[in-house]
Amino acid sequence: MSIDTLEEKYQHLQQEILSAGERLTRCALQASAVQNQMRAILGEVAPGFCGPCEHKCCEGFPLEGWFSFEDYVLFRIQYGKPAIPPDRVMRDTACSFLTPEGCSLPADMRPFTCVKVNCEQINDALQRSGKEQHFNLLRKALDAILREIATSFTENSVEGRHPDHP
């Protein structure tokens, strides 16, 4: 979905978001903490993998990133509406948040698809280091947080939406 579409949906459900404010704020703080732990593991296990990679994940993403509505709600709670950076990488298939220095989104609040890691090299490095199980537990914790966000809206929403995550 585009950022404008997500923002429109966010505004449409703003009353529900406000009424679930404390719960959503708690979820956003938890998601931020989990992502920071995931980043710390990746920084330790595979510090230089992504930069020199010729098949960067971010160069094959949808143009406005992999935000599901649940990811977007968490991001909005923490940082407001995400802005496309003026120095974004201007390739046809590059994510709009990708700059020459890397992702412009805060490291603690990126869409789930961006942090769950599907890279074989990184998965191998996680396994060799013995941190694969811990990383996978963090990934499951983040997925559970996003399901909780989705439940917040399906319980109160006429739309009966489901999470956009596999």
Protein backbone atom coordinates (compact mmCIF):
# COMPACT_ATOMS: atom_id res chain seq x y z
CA MET A 1 0.00 0.00 0.00
CA SER A 2 1.12 3.53 -0.60
CA ILE A 3 1.92 5.86 2.28
CA ASP A 4 -1.03 8.05 1.29
CA THR A 5 -3.41 5.06 1.36
CA LEU A 6 -2.07 3.97 4.75
CA GLU A 7 -2.40 7.50 6.09
CA GLU A 8 -5.98 7.72 4.82
CA LYS A 9 -6.82 4.43 6.56
CA TYR A 10 -5.04 5.66 9.71
CA GLN A 11 -7.10 8.87 9.71
CA HIS A 12 -10.29 6.88 9.08
CA LEU A 13 -9.60 4.70 12.13
CA GLN A 14 -8.16 7.50 14.25
CA GLN A 15 -10.97 7.31 16.83
CA GLU A 16 -10.26 3.60 17.36
CA ILE A 17 -6.53 4.32 17.48
CA LEU A 18 -7.07 7.01 20.11
CA SER A 19 -9.29 4.74 22.22
CA ALA A 20 -6.63 2.00 22.06
CA GLY A 21 -3.88 4.56 22.66
CA GLU A 22 -2.28 3.12 25.78
CA ARG A 23 -2.30 -0.41 24.36
CA LEU A 24 -0.86 0.74 21.02
CA THR A 25 1.79 2.88 22.72
CA ARG A 26 2.85 -0.15 24.76
CA CYS A 27 3.00 -2.24 21.56
CA ALA A 28 5.10 0.44 19.82
CA LEU A 29 7.57 0.53 22.71
CA GLN A 30 7.79 -3.27 22.73
CA ALA A 31 8.30 -3.40 18.95
CA SER A 32 11.03 -0.78 19.21
CA ALA A 33 12.83 -2.75 21.92
CA VAL A 34 12.58 -6.00 19.94
CA GLN A 35 13.89 -4.35 16.77
CA ASN A 36 16.81 -2.83 18.70
CA GLN A 37 17.70 -6.31 19.98
CA MET A 38 17.45 -7.74 16.46
CA ARG A 39 19.69 -4.97 15.10
CA ALA A 40 22.24 -5.59 17.85
CA ILE A 41 22.44 -9.28 16.93
CA LEU A 42 22.76 -8.49 13.22
CA GLY A 43 25.40 -5.84 13.95
CA GLU A 44 27.41 -8.43 15.84
CA VAL A 45 26.88 -11.39 13.51
CA ALA A 46 26.88 -9.77 10.09
CA PRO A 47 28.17 -6.20 10.41
CA GLY A 48 29.20 -5.71 6.78
CA PHE A 49 26.91 -7.99 4.81
CA CYS A 50 24.34 -5.57 3.46
CA GLY A 51 26.52 -2.67 2.27
CA PRO A 52 28.60 -4.54 -0.32
CA CYS A 53 25.80 -6.97 -1.30
CA GLU A 54 24.97 -6.87 -5.00
CA HIS A 55 21.38 -8.02 -4.39
CA LYS A 56 20.21 -5.52 -1.78
CA CYS A 57 16.75 -6.31 -0.44
CA CYS A 58 15.85 -2.61 -0.38
CA GLU A 59 16.41 -2.34 -4.11
CA GLY A 60 13.62 -4.81 -4.81
CA PHE A 61 10.95 -3.50 -2.44
CA PRO A 62 7.72 -1.81 -3.38
CA LEU A 63 8.40 1.84 -3.92
CA GLU A 64 6.88 3.03 -0.66
CA GLY A 65 8.27 0.25 1.48
CA TRP A 66 6.71 -2.84 2.98
CA PHE A 67 4.42 -1.11 5.48
CA SER A 68 1.38 -3.12 6.47
CA PHE A 69 -1.30 -1.14 8.25
CA GLU A 70 -0.09 -2.57 11.57
CA ASP A 71 3.50 -1.49 10.86
CA TYR A 72 2.23 1.92 9.85
CA VAL A 73 0.24 2.38 13.08
CA LEU A 74 3.33 1.57 15.16
CA PHE A 75 5.48 3.93 13.09
CA ARG A 76 2.93 6.76 13.36
CA ILE A 77 2.70 6.35 17.13
CA GLN A 78 6.48 6.63 17.51
CA TYR A 79 7.49 9.02 14.72
CA GLY A 80 4.51 10.49 12.87
CA LYS A 81 3.94 10.16 9.14
CA PRO A 82 7.08 8.86 7.37
CA ALA A 83 8.61 11.29 4.90
CA ILE A 84 10.27 10.21 1.68
CA PRO A 85 13.87 11.50 1.93
CA PRO A 86 14.98 14.03 -0.70
CA ASP A 87 18.19 12.06 -1.37
CA ARG A 88 16.46 8.71 -1.95
CA VAL A 89 17.99 6.21 -4.36
CA MET A 90 16.19 6.88 -7.62
CA ARG A 91 16.14 3.37 -9.13
CA ASP A 92 12.85 2.05 -10.48
CA THR A 93 12.78 -0.84 -8.02
CA ALA A 94 14.38 0.81 -4.98
CA CYS A 95 12.37 1.46 -1.83
CA SER A 96 11.56 5.16 -1.47
CA PHE A 97 13.17 5.15 1.98
CA LEU A 98 16.54 3.90 0.66
CA THR A 99 19.26 6.57 0.54
CA PRO A 100 22.92 6.24 -0.45
CA GLU A 101 23.66 5.87 3.31
CA GLY A 102 21.03 3.12 3.76
CA CYS A 103 17.50 3.12 5.12
CA SER A 104 16.18 6.52 6.18
CA LEU A 105 13.60 5.00 8.53
CA PRO A 106 14.58 4.80 12.21
CA ALA A 107 16.30 1.48 12.92
CA ASP A 108 13.91 0.65 15.76
CA MET A 109 10.69 0.97 13.80
CA ARG A 110 10.95 -0.46 10.31
CA PRO A 111 8.25 -2.57 8.67
CA PHE A 112 8.23 -6.23 9.75
CA THR A 113 9.23 -7.44 6.27
CA CYS A 114 12.36 -5.28 6.44
CA VAL A 115 13.58 -6.75 9.73
CA LYS A 116 12.56 -10.40 9.62
CA VAL A 117 15.57 -11.27 7.38
CA ASN A 118 15.18 -13.65 4.47
CA CYS A 119 18.81 -13.44 3.37
CA GLU A 120 20.56 -16.81 3.14
CA GLN A 121 23.97 -15.30 4.00
CA ILE A 122 22.66 -13.64 7.14
CA ASN A 123 20.71 -16.73 8.16
CA ASP A 124 23.91 -18.78 7.76
CA ALA A 125 25.83 -16.25 9.87
CA LEU A 126 23.14 -16.38 12.56
CA GLN A 127 23.33 -20.16 12.60
CA ARG A 128 27.15 -20.24 12.74
CA SER A 129 27.17 -17.78 15.62
CA GLY A 130 24.60 -19.74 17.61
CA LYS A 131 22.24 -16.73 17.65
CA GLU A 132 19.69 -18.04 15.16
CA GLN A 133 17.28 -19.32 17.82
CA HIS A 134 17.38 -16.05 19.79
CA PHE A 135 16.89 -14.00 16.61
CA ASN A 136 13.94 -16.20 15.60
CA LEU A 137 12.36 -15.75 19.04
CA LEU A 138 12.64 -11.98 18.60
CA ARG A 139 11.11 -12.26 15.14
CA LYS A 140 8.19 -14.24 16.62
CA ALA A 141 7.80 -11.65 19.38
CA LEU A 142 7.58 -8.87 16.79
CA ASP A 143 5.06 -10.86 14.77
CA ALA A 144 2.96 -11.36 17.93
CA ILE A 145 2.99 -7.60 18.58
CA LEU A 146 1.75 -6.95 15.05
CA ARG A 147 -1.01 -9.55 15.47
CA GLU A 148 -2.04 -7.77 18.68
CA ILE A 149 -2.27 -4.51 16.73
CA ALA A 150 -4.40 -6.21 14.07
CA THR A 151 -6.66 -7.66 16.77
CA SER A 152 -7.15 -4.16 18.20
CA PHE A 153 -8.80 -3.15 14.97
CA THR A 154 -10.63 -6.36 14.08
CA GLU A 155 -12.33 -6.35 17.49
CA ASN A 156 -13.56 -2.79 16.99
CA SER A 157 -13.72 -2.47 13.22
CA VAL A 158 -16.51 -3.24 10.81
CA GLU A 159 -13.91 -4.09 8.15
CA GLY A 160 -12.77 -7.28 9.95
CA ARG A 161 -9.23 -6.93 8.62
CA HIS A 162 -6.44 -9.44 9.09
CA PRO A 163 -2.70 -8.78 9.46
CA ASP A 164 -0.80 -8.32 6.21
CA HIS A 165 2.03 -10.54 7.38
CA PRO A 166 2.70 -14.05 6.21
